[in-house]
PDB file of all heavy atoms in Angstrom:
ATOM      1  N   LYS A   1       0.825  -1.137   0.017  1.00  0.00           N
ATOM      2  CA  LYS A   1      -0.062  -0.076   0.027  1.00  0.00           C
ATOM      3  C   LYS A   1       0.797   1.258   0.013  1.00  0.00           C
ATOM      4  O   LYS A   1       0.367   2.335  -0.531  1.00  0.00           O
ATOM      5  CB  LYS A   1      -0.978   0.018   1.088  1.00  0.00           C
ATOM      6  CG  LYS A   1      -2.216  -0.895   1.044  1.00  0.00           C
ATOM      7  CD  LYS A   1      -3.253  -0.516   2.072  1.00  0.00           C
ATOM      8  CE  LYS A   1      -2.779  -0.643   3.497  1.00  0.00           C
ATOM      9  NZ  LYS A   1      -3.866  -0.284   4.414  1.00  0.00           N
ATOM     10  N   GLU A   2       2.057   1.134   0.659  1.00  0.00           N
ATOM     11  CA  GLU A   2       2.987   2.366   0.621  1.00  0.00           C
ATOM     12  C   GLU A   2       3.385   2.729  -0.860  1.00  0.00           C
ATOM     13  O   GLU A   2       3.515   3.846  -1.213  1.00  0.00           O
ATOM     14  CB  GLU A   2       4.144   2.030   1.452  1.00  0.00           C
ATOM     15  CG  GLU A   2       4.011   1.879   2.854  1.00  0.00           C
ATOM     16  CD  GLU A   2       3.935   3.420   3.526  1.00  0.00           C
ATOM     17  OE1 GLU A   2       4.748   4.198   3.264  1.00  0.00           O
ATOM     18  OE2 GLU A   2       2.979   3.533   4.268  1.00  0.00           O
ATOM     19  N   GLN A   3       3.416   1.687  -1.744  1.00  0.00           N
ATOM     20  CA  GLN A   3       3.810   1.895  -3.056  1.00  0.00           C
ATOM     21  C   GLN A   3       2.693   2.040  -4.026  1.00  0.00           C
ATOM     22  O   GLN A   3       2.792   2.671  -5.123  1.00  0.00           O
ATOM     23  CB  GLN A   3       4.781   0.751  -3.544  1.00  0.00           C
ATOM     24  CG  GLN A   3       5.871   0.408  -2.721  1.00  0.00           C
ATOM     25  CD  GLN A   3       6.862   1.705  -2.544  1.00  0.00           C
ATOM     26  OE1 GLN A   3       7.192   2.396  -3.600  1.00  0.00           O
ATOM     27  NE2 GLN A   3       7.264   2.075  -1.382  1.00  0.00           N
ATOM     28  N   VAL A   4       1.492   1.416  -3.608  1.00  0.00           N
ATOM     29  CA  VAL A   4       0.296   1.590  -4.441  1.00  0.00           C
ATOM     30  C   VAL A   4      -0.744   2.111  -3.680  1.00  0.00           C
ATOM     31  O   VAL A   4      -1.651   1.357  -3.040  1.00  0.00           O
ATOM     32  CB  VAL A   4      -0.011   0.082  -4.951  1.00  0.00           C
ATOM     33  CG1 VAL A   4      -1.200   0.246  -6.066  1.00  0.00           C
ATOM     34  CG2 VAL A   4       1.214  -0.620  -5.542  1.00  0.00           C
ATOM     35  N   PRO A   5      -0.929   3.401  -3.408  1.00  0.00           N
ATOM     36  CA  PRO A   5      -1.856   4.043  -2.499  1.00  0.00           C
ATOM     37  C   PRO A   5      -3.252   3.617  -2.980  1.00  0.00           C
ATOM     38  O   PRO A   5      -4.241   3.909  -2.157  1.00  0.00           O
ATOM     39  CB  PRO A   5      -1.659   5.536  -2.669  1.00  0.00           C
ATOM     40  CG  PRO A   5      -0.102   5.541  -3.164  1.00  0.00           C
ATOM     41  CD  PRO A   5       0.106   4.434  -4.043  1.00  0.00           C
ATOM     42  N   TRP A   6      -3.395   3.342  -4.300  1.00  0.00           N
ATOM     43  CA  TRP A   6      -4.868   2.962  -4.805  1.00  0.00           C
ATOM     44  C   TRP A   6      -5.453   1.950  -3.893  1.00  0.00           C
ATOM     45  O   TRP A   6      -6.677   1.750  -3.819  1.00  0.00           O
ATOM     46  CB  TRP A   6      -4.784   2.653  -6.219  1.00  0.00           C
ATOM     47  CG  TRP A   6      -6.086   2.251  -6.830  1.00  0.00           C
ATOM     48  CD1 TRP A   6      -6.948   3.105  -7.327  1.00  0.00           C
ATOM     49  CD2 TRP A   6      -6.679   0.954  -6.986  1.00  0.00           C
ATOM     50  NE1 TRP A   6      -8.002   2.426  -7.832  1.00  0.00           N
ATOM     51  CE2 TRP A   6      -7.834   1.165  -7.557  1.00  0.00           C
ATOM     52  CE3 TRP A   6      -6.099  -0.385  -6.575  1.00  0.00           C
ATOM     53  CZ2 TRP A   6      -8.719  -0.086  -7.864  1.00  0.00           C
ATOM     54  CZ3 TRP A   6      -6.872  -1.474  -6.868  1.00  0.00           C
ATOM     55  CH2 TRP A   6      -8.301  -1.265  -7.374  1.00  0.00           C
ATOM     56  N   LEU A   7      -4.646   1.097  -3.341  1.00  0.00           N
ATOM     57  CA  LEU A   7      -5.149  -0.022  -2.517  1.00  0.00           C
ATOM     58  C   LEU A   7      -5.925   0.378  -1.196  1.00  0.00           C
ATOM     59  O   LEU A   7      -6.537  -0.443  -0.497  1.00  0.00           O
ATOM     60  CB  LEU A   7      -4.068  -1.100  -2.171  1.00  0.00           C
ATOM     61  CG  LEU A   7      -3.782  -2.043  -3.472  1.00  0.00           C
ATOM     62  CD1 LEU A   7      -2.537  -2.799  -2.967  1.00  0.00           C
ATOM     63  CD2 LEU A   7      -4.932  -2.890  -3.737  1.00  0.00           C
ATOM     64  N   VAL A   8      -5.601   1.645  -0.732  1.00  0.00           N
ATOM     65  CA  VAL A   8      -6.055   2.119   0.490  1.00  0.00           C
ATOM     66  C   VAL A   8      -7.697   2.037   0.346  1.00  0.00           C
ATOM     67  O   VAL A   8      -8.248   2.578  -0.616  1.00  0.00           O
ATOM     68  CB  VAL A   8      -5.621   3.554   0.783  1.00  0.00           C
ATOM     69  CG1 VAL A   8      -6.405   4.067   2.065  1.00  0.00           C
ATOM     70  CG2 VAL A   8      -4.193   3.490   1.002  1.00  0.00           C
ATOM     71  N   ASP A   9      -8.255   1.497   1.360  1.00  0.00           N
ATOM     72  CA  ASP A   9      -9.743   1.224   1.397  1.00  0.00           C
ATOM     73  C   ASP A   9     -10.235   0.234   0.274  1.00  0.00           C
ATOM     74  O   ASP A   9     -11.461   0.050   0.121  1.00  0.00           O
ATOM     75  CB  ASP A   9     -10.543   2.542   1.052  1.00  0.00           C
ATOM     76  CG  ASP A   9     -10.300   3.631   2.210  1.00  0.00           C
ATOM     77  OD1 ASP A   9     -10.185   3.139   3.310  1.00  0.00           O
ATOM     78  OD2 ASP A   9     -10.427   4.775   1.806  1.00  0.00           O
ATOM     79  N   ARG A  10      -9.265  -0.356  -0.369  1.00  0.00           N
ATOM     80  CA  ARG A  10      -9.542  -1.439  -1.315  1.00  0.00           C
ATOM     81  C   ARG A  10      -8.713  -2.692  -1.029  1.00  0.00           C
ATOM     82  O   ARG A  10      -8.374  -3.449  -1.892  1.00  0.00           O
ATOM     83  CB  ARG A  10      -9.268  -1.000  -2.696  1.00  0.00           C
ATOM     84  CG  ARG A  10     -10.261   0.181  -3.166  1.00  0.00           C
ATOM     85  CD  ARG A  10      -9.886   0.501  -4.710  1.00  0.00           C
ATOM     86  NE  ARG A  10     -10.800   1.587  -5.164  1.00  0.00           N
ATOM     87  CZ  ARG A  10     -10.376   2.802  -5.025  1.00  0.00           C
ATOM     88  NH1 ARG A  10      -9.175   3.133  -4.509  1.00  0.00           N
ATOM     89  NH2 ARG A  10     -11.147   3.775  -5.493  1.00  0.00           N
ATOM     90  N   GLU A  11      -8.424  -2.769   0.285  1.00  0.00           N
ATOM     91  CA  GLU A  11      -7.491  -3.880   0.737  1.00  0.00           C
ATOM     92  C   GLU A  11      -7.865  -5.236   0.357  1.00  0.00           C
ATOM     93  O   GLU A  11      -7.147  -6.173   0.055  1.00  0.00           O
ATOM     94  CB  GLU A  11      -7.203  -3.869   2.171  1.00  0.00           C
ATOM     95  CG  GLU A  11      -6.387  -2.625   2.736  1.00  0.00           C
ATOM     96  CD  GLU A  11      -7.297  -1.436   2.966  1.00  0.00           C
ATOM     97  OE1 GLU A  11      -8.442  -1.432   2.569  1.00  0.00           O
ATOM     98  OE2 GLU A  11      -6.841  -0.443   3.527  1.00  0.00           O
ATOM     99  N   TRP A  12      -9.373  -5.367   0.335  1.00  0.00           N
ATOM    100  CA  TRP A  12      -9.865  -6.742  -0.093  1.00  0.00           C
ATOM    101  C   TRP A  12      -9.443  -7.207  -1.473  1.00  0.00           C
ATOM    102  O   TRP A  12      -9.409  -8.412  -1.659  1.00  0.00           O
ATOM    103  CB  TRP A  12     -11.333  -6.700   0.017  1.00  0.00           C
ATOM    104  CG  TRP A  12     -12.039  -5.700  -1.048  1.00  0.00           C
ATOM    105  CD1 TRP A  12     -12.371  -4.529  -0.809  1.00  0.00           C
ATOM    106  CD2 TRP A  12     -12.411  -6.089  -2.301  1.00  0.00           C
ATOM    107  NE1 TRP A  12     -12.935  -3.865  -1.957  1.00  0.00           N
ATOM    108  CE2 TRP A  12     -13.014  -4.880  -2.876  1.00  0.00           C
ATOM    109  CE3 TRP A  12     -12.437  -7.314  -3.082  1.00  0.00           C
ATOM    110  CZ2 TRP A  12     -13.523  -4.919  -4.134  1.00  0.00           C
ATOM    111  CZ3 TRP A  12     -13.054  -7.302  -4.359  1.00  0.00           C
ATOM    112  CH2 TRP A  12     -13.470  -5.994  -4.840  1.00  0.00           C
ATOM    113  N   ILE A  13      -9.068  -6.212  -2.356  1.00  0.00           N
ATOM    114  CA  ILE A  13      -8.668  -6.609  -3.683  1.00  0.00           C
ATOM    115  C   ILE A  13      -7.248  -7.322  -3.607  1.00  0.00           C
ATOM    116  O   ILE A  13      -7.098  -8.380  -4.320  1.00  0.00           O
ATOM    117  CB  ILE A  13      -8.550  -5.408  -4.554  1.00  0.00           C
ATOM    118  CG1 ILE A  13      -9.971  -4.808  -4.796  1.00  0.00           C
ATOM    119  CG2 ILE A  13      -7.854  -5.703  -5.876  1.00  0.00           C
ATOM    120  CD1 ILE A  13      -9.935  -3.538  -5.644  1.00  0.00           C
ATOM    121  N   TYR A  14      -6.426  -6.944  -2.761  1.00  0.00           N
ATOM    122  CA  TYR A  14      -5.114  -7.490  -2.585  1.00  0.00           C
ATOM    123  C   TYR A  14      -5.313  -8.937  -2.056  1.00  0.00           C
ATOM    124  O   TYR A  14      -4.730  -9.885  -2.420  1.00  0.00           O
ATOM    125  CB  TYR A  14      -4.193  -6.705  -1.630  1.00  0.00           C
ATOM    126  CG  TYR A  14      -2.892  -7.322  -1.382  1.00  0.00           C
ATOM    127  CD1 TYR A  14      -1.779  -7.079  -2.271  1.00  0.00           C
ATOM    128  CD2 TYR A  14      -2.502  -7.969  -0.251  1.00  0.00           C
ATOM    129  CE1 TYR A  14      -0.506  -7.665  -2.034  1.00  0.00           C
ATOM    130  CE2 TYR A  14      -1.320  -8.528   0.067  1.00  0.00           C
ATOM    131  CZ  TYR A  14      -0.312  -8.322  -0.784  1.00  0.00           C
ATOM    132  OH  TYR A  14       0.897  -8.897  -0.643  1.00  0.00           O
ATOM    133  N   GLY A  15      -6.189  -9.035  -1.079  1.00  0.00           N
ATOM    134  CA  GLY A  15      -6.536 -10.426  -0.441  1.00  0.00           C
ATOM    135  C   GLY A  15      -6.989 -11.356  -1.574  1.00  0.00           C
ATOM    136  O   GLY A  15      -6.803 -12.595  -1.463  1.00  0.00           O
ATOM    137  N   LEU A  16      -7.976 -10.754  -2.344  1.00  0.00           N
ATOM    138  CA  LEU A  16      -8.521 -11.715  -3.392  1.00  0.00           C
ATOM    139  C   LEU A  16      -7.420 -12.127  -4.285  1.00  0.00           C
ATOM    140  O   LEU A  16      -7.322 -13.380  -4.715  1.00  0.00           O
ATOM    141  CB  LEU A  16      -9.596 -10.887  -4.040  1.00  0.00           C
ATOM    142  CG  LEU A  16     -10.400 -11.687  -5.044  1.00  0.00           C
ATOM    143  CD1 LEU A  16     -11.110 -12.940  -4.446  1.00  0.00           C
ATOM    144  CD2 LEU A  16     -11.422 -10.803  -5.783  1.00  0.00           C
ATOM    145  N   VAL A  17      -6.612 -11.315  -4.831  1.00  0.00           N
ATOM    146  CA  VAL A  17      -5.599 -11.611  -5.733  1.00  0.00           C
ATOM    147  C   VAL A  17      -4.588 -12.673  -5.096  1.00  0.00           C
ATOM    148  O   VAL A  17      -4.345 -13.685  -5.775  1.00  0.00           O
ATOM    149  CB  VAL A  17      -4.671 -10.406  -6.163  1.00  0.00           C
ATOM    150  CG1 VAL A  17      -3.448 -10.822  -6.909  1.00  0.00           C
ATOM    151  CG2 VAL A  17      -5.663  -9.465  -6.995  1.00  0.00           C
ATOM    152  N   MET A  18      -4.184 -12.438  -3.912  1.00  0.00           N
ATOM    153  CA  MET A  18      -3.360 -13.336  -3.229  1.00  0.00           C
ATOM    154  C   MET A  18      -3.989 -14.796  -3.118  1.00  0.00           C
ATOM    155  O   MET A  18      -3.351 -15.901  -3.289  1.00  0.00           O
ATOM    156  CB  MET A  18      -2.865 -12.912  -1.951  1.00  0.00           C
ATOM    157  CG  MET A  18      -1.939 -11.805  -1.852  1.00  0.00           C
ATOM    158  SD  MET A  18      -0.257 -12.082  -2.671  1.00  0.00           S
ATOM    159  CE  MET A  18       0.494 -13.027  -1.242  1.00  0.00           C
ATOM    160  N   ALA A  19      -5.254 -14.975  -2.789  1.00  0.00           N
ATOM    161  CA  ALA A  19      -6.052 -16.047  -2.590  1.00  0.00           C
ATOM    162  C   ALA A  19      -6.032 -16.895  -3.933  1.00  0.00           C
ATOM    163  O   ALA A  19      -5.887 -18.082  -3.899  1.00  0.00           O
ATOM    164  CB  ALA A  19      -7.458 -15.748  -2.070  1.00  0.00           C
ATOM    165  N   VAL A  20      -6.215 -16.113  -5.049  1.00  0.00           N
ATOM    166  CA  VAL A  20      -6.232 -16.786  -6.306  1.00  0.00           C
ATOM    167  C   VAL A  20      -4.905 -17.445  -6.560  1.00  0.00           C
ATOM    168  O   VAL A  20      -4.674 -18.603  -6.907  1.00  0.00           O
ATOM    169  CB  VAL A  20      -6.597 -15.933  -7.350  1.00  0.00           C
ATOM    170  CG1 VAL A  20      -6.395 -16.496  -8.727  1.00  0.00           C
ATOM    171  CG2 VAL A  20      -8.079 -15.447  -7.241  1.00  0.00           C
ATOM    172  N   LEU A  21      -3.759 -16.589  -6.379  1.00  0.00           N
ATOM    173  CA  LEU A  21      -2.480 -17.074  -6.645  1.00  0.00           C
ATOM    174  C   LEU A  21      -2.007 -18.264  -5.845  1.00  0.00           C
ATOM    175  O   LEU A  21      -1.370 -19.159  -6.196  1.00  0.00           O
ATOM    176  CB  LEU A  21      -1.374 -15.914  -6.565  1.00  0.00           C
ATOM    177  CG  LEU A  21      -1.626 -14.751  -7.522  1.00  0.00           C
ATOM    178  CD1 LEU A  21      -0.552 -13.592  -7.160  1.00  0.00           C
ATOM    179  CD2 LEU A  21      -1.371 -15.219  -8.905  1.00  0.00           C
ATOM    180  N   VAL A  22      -2.437 -18.224  -4.550  1.00  0.00           N
ATOM    181  CA  VAL A  22      -2.078 -19.322  -3.518  1.00  0.00           C
ATOM    182  C   VAL A  22      -2.902 -20.576  -4.040  1.00  0.00           C
ATOM    183  O   VAL A  22      -2.319 -21.653  -4.032  1.00  0.00           O
ATOM    184  CB  VAL A  22      -2.339 -18.926  -2.121  1.00  0.00           C
ATOM    185  CG1 VAL A  22      -2.288 -20.031  -1.246  1.00  0.00           C
ATOM    186  CG2 VAL A  22      -1.395 -17.825  -1.681  1.00  0.00           C
ATOM    187  N   GLY A  23      -4.064 -20.314  -4.303  1.00  0.00           N
ATOM    188  CA  GLY A  23      -4.947 -21.580  -4.780  1.00  0.00           C
ATOM    189  C   GLY A  23      -4.450 -22.282  -5.883  1.00  0.00           C
ATOM    190  O   GLY A  23      -4.522 -23.594  -5.978  1.00  0.00           O
ATOM    191  N   VAL A  24      -3.807 -21.585  -6.914  1.00  0.00           N
ATOM    192  CA  VAL A  24      -3.218 -22.171  -8.084  1.00  0.00           C
ATOM    193  C   VAL A  24      -2.093 -23.222  -7.769  1.00  0.00           C
ATOM    194  O   VAL A  24      -2.128 -24.233  -8.340  1.00  0.00           O
ATOM    195  CB  VAL A  24      -2.661 -21.191  -9.048  1.00  0.00           C
ATOM    196  CG1 VAL A  24      -1.713 -21.861 -10.167  1.00  0.00           C
ATOM    197  CG2 VAL A  24      -3.694 -20.261  -9.574  1.00  0.00           C
ATOM    198  N   VAL A  25      -1.345 -22.935  -6.616  1.00  0.00           N
ATOM    199  CA  VAL A  25      -0.358 -23.916  -6.327  1.00  0.00           C
ATOM    200  C   VAL A  25      -0.644 -24.941  -5.343  1.00  0.00           C
ATOM    201  O   VAL A  25      -0.444 -26.098  -5.356  1.00  0.00           O
ATOM    202  CB  VAL A  25       0.936 -23.064  -5.592  1.00  0.00           C
ATOM    203  CG1 VAL A  25       1.869 -24.064  -5.101  1.00  0.00           C
ATOM    204  CG2 VAL A  25       1.462 -22.064  -6.624  1.00  0.00           C
ATOM    205  N   ILE A  26      -1.569 -24.651  -4.175  1.00  0.00           N
ATOM    206  CA  ILE A  26      -1.706 -25.564  -3.232  1.00  0.00           C
ATOM    207  C   ILE A  26      -2.682 -26.704  -3.662  1.00  0.00           C
ATOM    208  O   ILE A  26      -2.702 -27.735  -2.985  1.00  0.00           O
ATOM    209  CB  ILE A  26      -2.341 -24.790  -1.932  1.00  0.00           C
ATOM    210  CG1 ILE A  26      -3.794 -24.342  -2.169  1.00  0.00           C
ATOM    211  CG2 ILE A  26      -1.401 -23.752  -1.410  1.00  0.00           C
ATOM    212  CD1 ILE A  26      -4.478 -23.803  -0.787  1.00  0.00           C
ATOM    213  N   ILE A  27      -3.489 -26.406  -4.546  1.00  0.00           N
ATOM    214  CA  ILE A  27      -4.314 -27.493  -5.157  1.00  0.00           C
ATOM    215  C   ILE A  27      -3.424 -28.710  -5.594  1.00  0.00           C
ATOM    216  O   ILE A  27      -3.862 -29.811  -5.584  1.00  0.00           O
ATOM    217  CB  ILE A  27      -5.225 -27.092  -6.280  1.00  0.00           C
ATOM    218  CG1 ILE A  27      -6.153 -25.918  -5.687  1.00  0.00           C
ATOM    219  CG2 ILE A  27      -6.163 -28.150  -6.809  1.00  0.00           C
ATOM    220  CD1 ILE A  27      -7.041 -26.262  -4.567  1.00  0.00           C
ATOM    221  N   GLY A  28      -2.169 -28.360  -5.969  1.00  0.00           N
ATOM    222  CA  GLY A  28      -1.318 -29.463  -6.466  1.00  0.00           C
ATOM    223  C   GLY A  28      -0.547 -30.371  -5.442  1.00  0.00           C
ATOM    224  O   GLY A  28       0.090 -31.230  -5.802  1.00  0.00           O
ATOM    225  N   GLY A  29      -0.669 -29.922  -4.176  1.00  0.00           N
ATOM    226  CA  GLY A  29      -0.022 -30.765  -3.129  1.00  0.00           C
ATOM    227  C   GLY A  29       1.346 -30.534  -2.830  1.00  0.00           C
ATOM    228  O   GLY A  29       1.896 -29.581  -3.440  1.00  0.00           O
TER     229      GLY A  29
END
């Protein structure tokens, strides 16, 4: 957020992106 101020008050977007990226890997074991 320090580098991308646009995420302020939109933190949930960061969480959603990370959830998708993590999901791609962990489904594989």
